[in-house]
Amino acid sequence: MFSRRERDFLELIRDGDRASVDRRLEAAFPNPVYRRKLLWAIRRKADRSVADWQLLREAAQRDDRLFAAPDLRTDTPPPVFADPVVTFLEKLGRRLPRRGAPARDGMRPPPPRKE
């Protein structure tokens, strides 16, 4: 949800005591306009996502499948199901000769263009 810089900003706030937060933010982000812009973006993203997180929480109370099993919490990609047409075209593309490639199965590549 947050950019890398927004995460850095939030981590600086989270990991320090209240007295030193402003000093550390100024050291890490010297431009005050950029600091205000980061803070504004973080608030805007958080505000927009609150309703989505509440919806997820309410739906998860009714269906456990919305949360991953403990052993699946790694960075594995989601399952992918191939479209049969795409699979067919990929197989067909592997069998057709490429321009300039030697002919397979008696098929000849098209002659080179004359310019």
C-alpha atoms as a PDB file:
ATOM      1  CA  MET A   1       0.000   0.000   0.000  1.00  0.00           C
ATOM      2  CA  PHE A   2       2.778   2.453   0.904  1.00  0.00           C
ATOM      3  CA  SER A   3       5.791   3.336  -1.228  1.00  0.00           C
ATOM      4  CA  ARG A   4       9.292   2.506   0.006  1.00  0.00           C
ATOM      5  CA  ARG A   5       9.876   6.148   1.057  1.00  0.00           C
ATOM      6  CA  GLU A   6       6.545   6.262   2.909  1.00  0.00           C
ATOM      7  CA  ARG A   7       7.509   3.066   4.713  1.00  0.00           C
ATOM      8  CA  ASP A   8      10.868   4.581   5.673  1.00  0.00           C
ATOM      9  CA  PHE A   9       9.034   7.648   7.007  1.00  0.00           C
ATOM     10  CA  LEU A  10       6.649   5.519   9.080  1.00  0.00           C
ATOM     11  CA  GLU A  11       9.475   3.322  10.397  1.00  0.00           C
ATOM     12  CA  LEU A  12      11.352   6.394  11.622  1.00  0.00           C
ATOM     13  CA  ILE A  13       8.253   7.502  13.506  1.00  0.00           C
ATOM     14  CA  ARG A  14       7.566   4.024  14.879  1.00  0.00           C
ATOM     15  CA  ASP A  15      11.113   3.257  16.045  1.00  0.00           C
ATOM     16  CA  GLY A  16      11.889   6.418  17.988  1.00  0.00           C
ATOM     17  CA  ASP A  17      10.716   8.224  21.057  1.00  0.00           C
ATOM     18  CA  ARG A  18       8.428  11.214  20.567  1.00  0.00           C
ATOM     19  CA  ALA A  19      11.090  13.745  21.498  1.00  0.00           C
ATOM     20  CA  SER A  20      13.529  12.704  18.770  1.00  0.00           C
ATOM     21  CA  VAL A  21      11.087  11.933  15.940  1.00  0.00           C
ATOM     22  CA  ASP A  22      11.146  15.405  14.380  1.00  0.00           C
ATOM     23  CA  ARG A  23      14.946  15.549  14.490  1.00  0.00           C
ATOM     24  CA  ARG A  24      15.327  12.128  12.867  1.00  0.00           C
ATOM     25  CA  LEU A  25      12.719  12.935  10.196  1.00  0.00           C
ATOM     26  CA  GLU A  26      14.554  16.181   9.382  1.00  0.00           C
ATOM     27  CA  ALA A  27      17.834  14.270   9.086  1.00  0.00           C
ATOM     28  CA  ALA A  28      16.367  11.570   6.840  1.00  0.00           C
ATOM     29  CA  PHE A  29      14.102  13.902   4.842  1.00  0.00           C
ATOM     30  CA  PRO A  30      15.714  17.370   4.868  1.00  0.00           C
ATOM     31  CA  ASN A  31      13.171  18.974   2.540  1.00  0.00           C
ATOM     32  CA  PRO A  32      10.174  20.125   4.659  1.00  0.00           C
ATOM     33  CA  VAL A  33       7.874  20.240   1.627  1.00  0.00           C
ATOM     34  CA  TYR A  34       8.707  16.588   0.843  1.00  0.00           C
ATOM     35  CA  ARG A  35       8.043  15.612   4.477  1.00  0.00           C
ATOM     36  CA  ARG A  36       4.622  17.270   4.327  1.00  0.00           C
ATOM     37  CA  LYS A  37       3.925  15.587   0.989  1.00  0.00           C
ATOM     38  CA  LEU A  38       4.843  12.148   2.405  1.00  0.00           C
ATOM     39  CA  LEU A  39       2.669  12.706   5.449  1.00  0.00           C
ATOM     40  CA  TRP A  40      -0.237  13.862   3.285  1.00  0.00           C
ATOM     41  CA  ALA A  41       0.100  10.794   0.989  1.00  0.00           C
ATOM     42  CA  ILE A  42       0.249   8.426   3.972  1.00  0.00           C
ATOM     43  CA  ARG A  43      -2.875   9.941   5.534  1.00  0.00           C
ATOM     44  CA  ARG A  44      -4.738   9.867   2.232  1.00  0.00           C
ATOM     45  CA  LYS A  45      -3.874   6.213   1.519  1.00  0.00           C
ATOM     46  CA  ALA A  46      -4.690   5.142   5.070  1.00  0.00           C
ATOM     47  CA  ASP A  47      -7.992   6.998   5.030  1.00  0.00           C
ATOM     48  CA  ARG A  48      -9.022   5.394   1.733  1.00  0.00           C
ATOM     49  CA  SER A  49      -8.077   1.908   2.872  1.00  0.00           C
ATOM     50  CA  VAL A  50      -9.887   1.914   6.226  1.00  0.00           C
ATOM     51  CA  ALA A  51     -13.215   0.931   4.664  1.00  0.00           C
ATOM     52  CA  ASP A  52     -11.525  -1.863   2.688  1.00  0.00           C
ATOM     53  CA  TRP A  53      -9.810  -3.294   5.798  1.00  0.00           C
ATOM     54  CA  GLN A  54     -13.082  -3.155   7.722  1.00  0.00           C
ATOM     55  CA  LEU A  55     -14.844  -4.991   4.878  1.00  0.00           C
ATOM     56  CA  LEU A  56     -12.104  -7.649   4.853  1.00  0.00           C
ATOM     57  CA  ARG A  57     -12.314  -8.093   8.616  1.00  0.00           C
ATOM     58  CA  GLU A  58     -16.090  -8.525   8.525  1.00  0.00           C
ATOM     59  CA  ALA A  59     -15.940 -10.974   5.623  1.00  0.00           C
ATOM     60  CA  ALA A  60     -13.115 -12.946   7.277  1.00  0.00           C
ATOM     61  CA  GLN A  61     -15.284 -13.473  10.339  1.00  0.00           C
ATOM     62  CA  ARG A  62     -17.586 -15.512   8.081  1.00  0.00           C
ATOM     63  CA  ASP A  63     -14.997 -17.252   5.851  1.00  0.00           C
ATOM     64  CA  ASP A  64     -11.499 -18.408   6.914  1.00  0.00           C
ATOM     65  CA  ARG A  65     -10.292 -18.740   3.328  1.00  0.00           C
ATOM     66  CA  LEU A  66      -9.650 -15.002   3.130  1.00  0.00           C
ATOM     67  CA  PHE A  67      -6.506 -15.393   5.219  1.00  0.00           C
ATOM     68  CA  ALA A  68      -3.574 -17.523   4.104  1.00  0.00           C
ATOM     69  CA  ALA A  69      -2.632 -20.611   6.038  1.00  0.00           C
ATOM     70  CA  PRO A  70       0.397 -20.024   8.328  1.00  0.00           C
ATOM     71  CA  ASP A  71       2.712 -22.056   6.048  1.00  0.00           C
ATOM     72  CA  LEU A  72       1.723 -19.962   2.982  1.00  0.00           C
ATOM     73  CA  ARG A  73       2.696 -16.543   4.363  1.00  0.00           C
ATOM     74  CA  THR A  74       5.892 -16.451   2.300  1.00  0.00           C
ATOM     75  CA  ASP A  75       6.347 -14.442  -0.867  1.00  0.00           C
ATOM     76  CA  THR A  76       4.973 -17.162  -3.120  1.00  0.00           C
ATOM     77  CA  PRO A  77       3.010 -15.925  -6.121  1.00  0.00           C
ATOM     78  CA  PRO A  78      -0.721 -16.593  -6.318  1.00  0.00           C
ATOM     79  CA  PRO A  79      -1.895 -19.664  -8.224  1.00  0.00           C
ATOM     80  CA  VAL A  80      -2.172 -19.133 -11.963  1.00  0.00           C
ATOM     81  CA  PHE A  81      -4.539 -20.887 -14.315  1.00  0.00           C
ATOM     82  CA  ALA A  82      -3.682 -20.700 -17.995  1.00  0.00           C
ATOM     83  CA  ASP A  83      -6.285 -19.784 -20.546  1.00  0.00           C
ATOM     84  CA  PRO A  84      -6.653 -22.719 -23.006  1.00  0.00           C
ATOM     85  CA  VAL A  85      -6.385 -20.384 -26.014  1.00  0.00           C
ATOM     86  CA  VAL A  86      -3.145 -18.857 -24.704  1.00  0.00           C
ATOM     87  CA  THR A  87      -1.715 -22.308 -23.999  1.00  0.00           C
ATOM     88  CA  PHE A  88      -2.596 -23.437 -27.536  1.00  0.00           C
ATOM     89  CA  LEU A  89      -1.010 -20.341 -29.098  1.00  0.00           C
ATOM     90  CA  GLU A  90       2.176 -20.800 -27.054  1.00  0.00           C
ATOM     91  CA  LYS A  91       2.480 -24.417 -28.230  1.00  0.00           C
ATOM     92  CA  LEU A  92       1.782 -23.375 -31.800  1.00  0.00           C
ATOM     93  CA  GLY A  93       4.372 -20.615 -31.590  1.00  0.00           C
ATOM     94  CA  ARG A  94       7.026 -23.077 -30.433  1.00  0.00           C
ATOM     95  CA  ARG A  95       6.361 -25.304 -33.437  1.00  0.00           C
ATOM     96  CA  LEU A  96       6.336 -22.618 -36.110  1.00  0.00           C
ATOM     97  CA  PRO A  97       9.715 -21.708 -37.564  1.00  0.00           C
ATOM     98  CA  ARG A  98      11.114 -18.331 -36.736  1.00  0.00           C
ATOM     99  CA  ARG A  99      12.447 -16.012 -39.423  1.00  0.00           C
ATOM    100  CA  GLY A 100      16.012 -17.038 -40.169  1.00  0.00           C
ATOM    101  CA  ALA A 101      15.753 -20.263 -38.145  1.00  0.00           C
ATOM    102  CA  PRO A 102      16.325 -23.633 -39.807  1.00  0.00           C
ATOM    103  CA  ALA A 103      13.188 -25.330 -41.093  1.00  0.00           C
ATOM    104  CA  ARG A 104      11.578 -28.024 -38.910  1.00  0.00           C
ATOM    105  CA  ASP A 105       9.311 -30.814 -39.997  1.00  0.00           C
ATOM    106  CA  GLY A 106       9.649 -29.951 -43.686  1.00  0.00           C
ATOM    107  CA  MET A 107       8.470 -26.377 -43.195  1.00  0.00           C
ATOM    108  CA  ARG A 108      10.542 -23.619 -44.748  1.00  0.00           C
ATOM    109  CA  PRO A 109      10.862 -20.101 -43.398  1.00  0.00           C
ATOM    110  CA  PRO A 110       9.679 -17.314 -45.686  1.00  0.00           C
ATOM    111  CA  PRO A 111      12.353 -15.918 -48.031  1.00  0.00           C
ATOM    112  CA  PRO A 112      14.096 -12.739 -46.845  1.00  0.00           C
ATOM    113  CA  ARG A 113      12.603  -9.459 -48.023  1.00  0.00           C
ATOM    114  CA  LYS A 114      14.349  -7.468 -50.708  1.00  0.00           C
ATOM    115  CA  GLU A 115      14.507  -3.779 -49.996  1.00  0.00           C
END
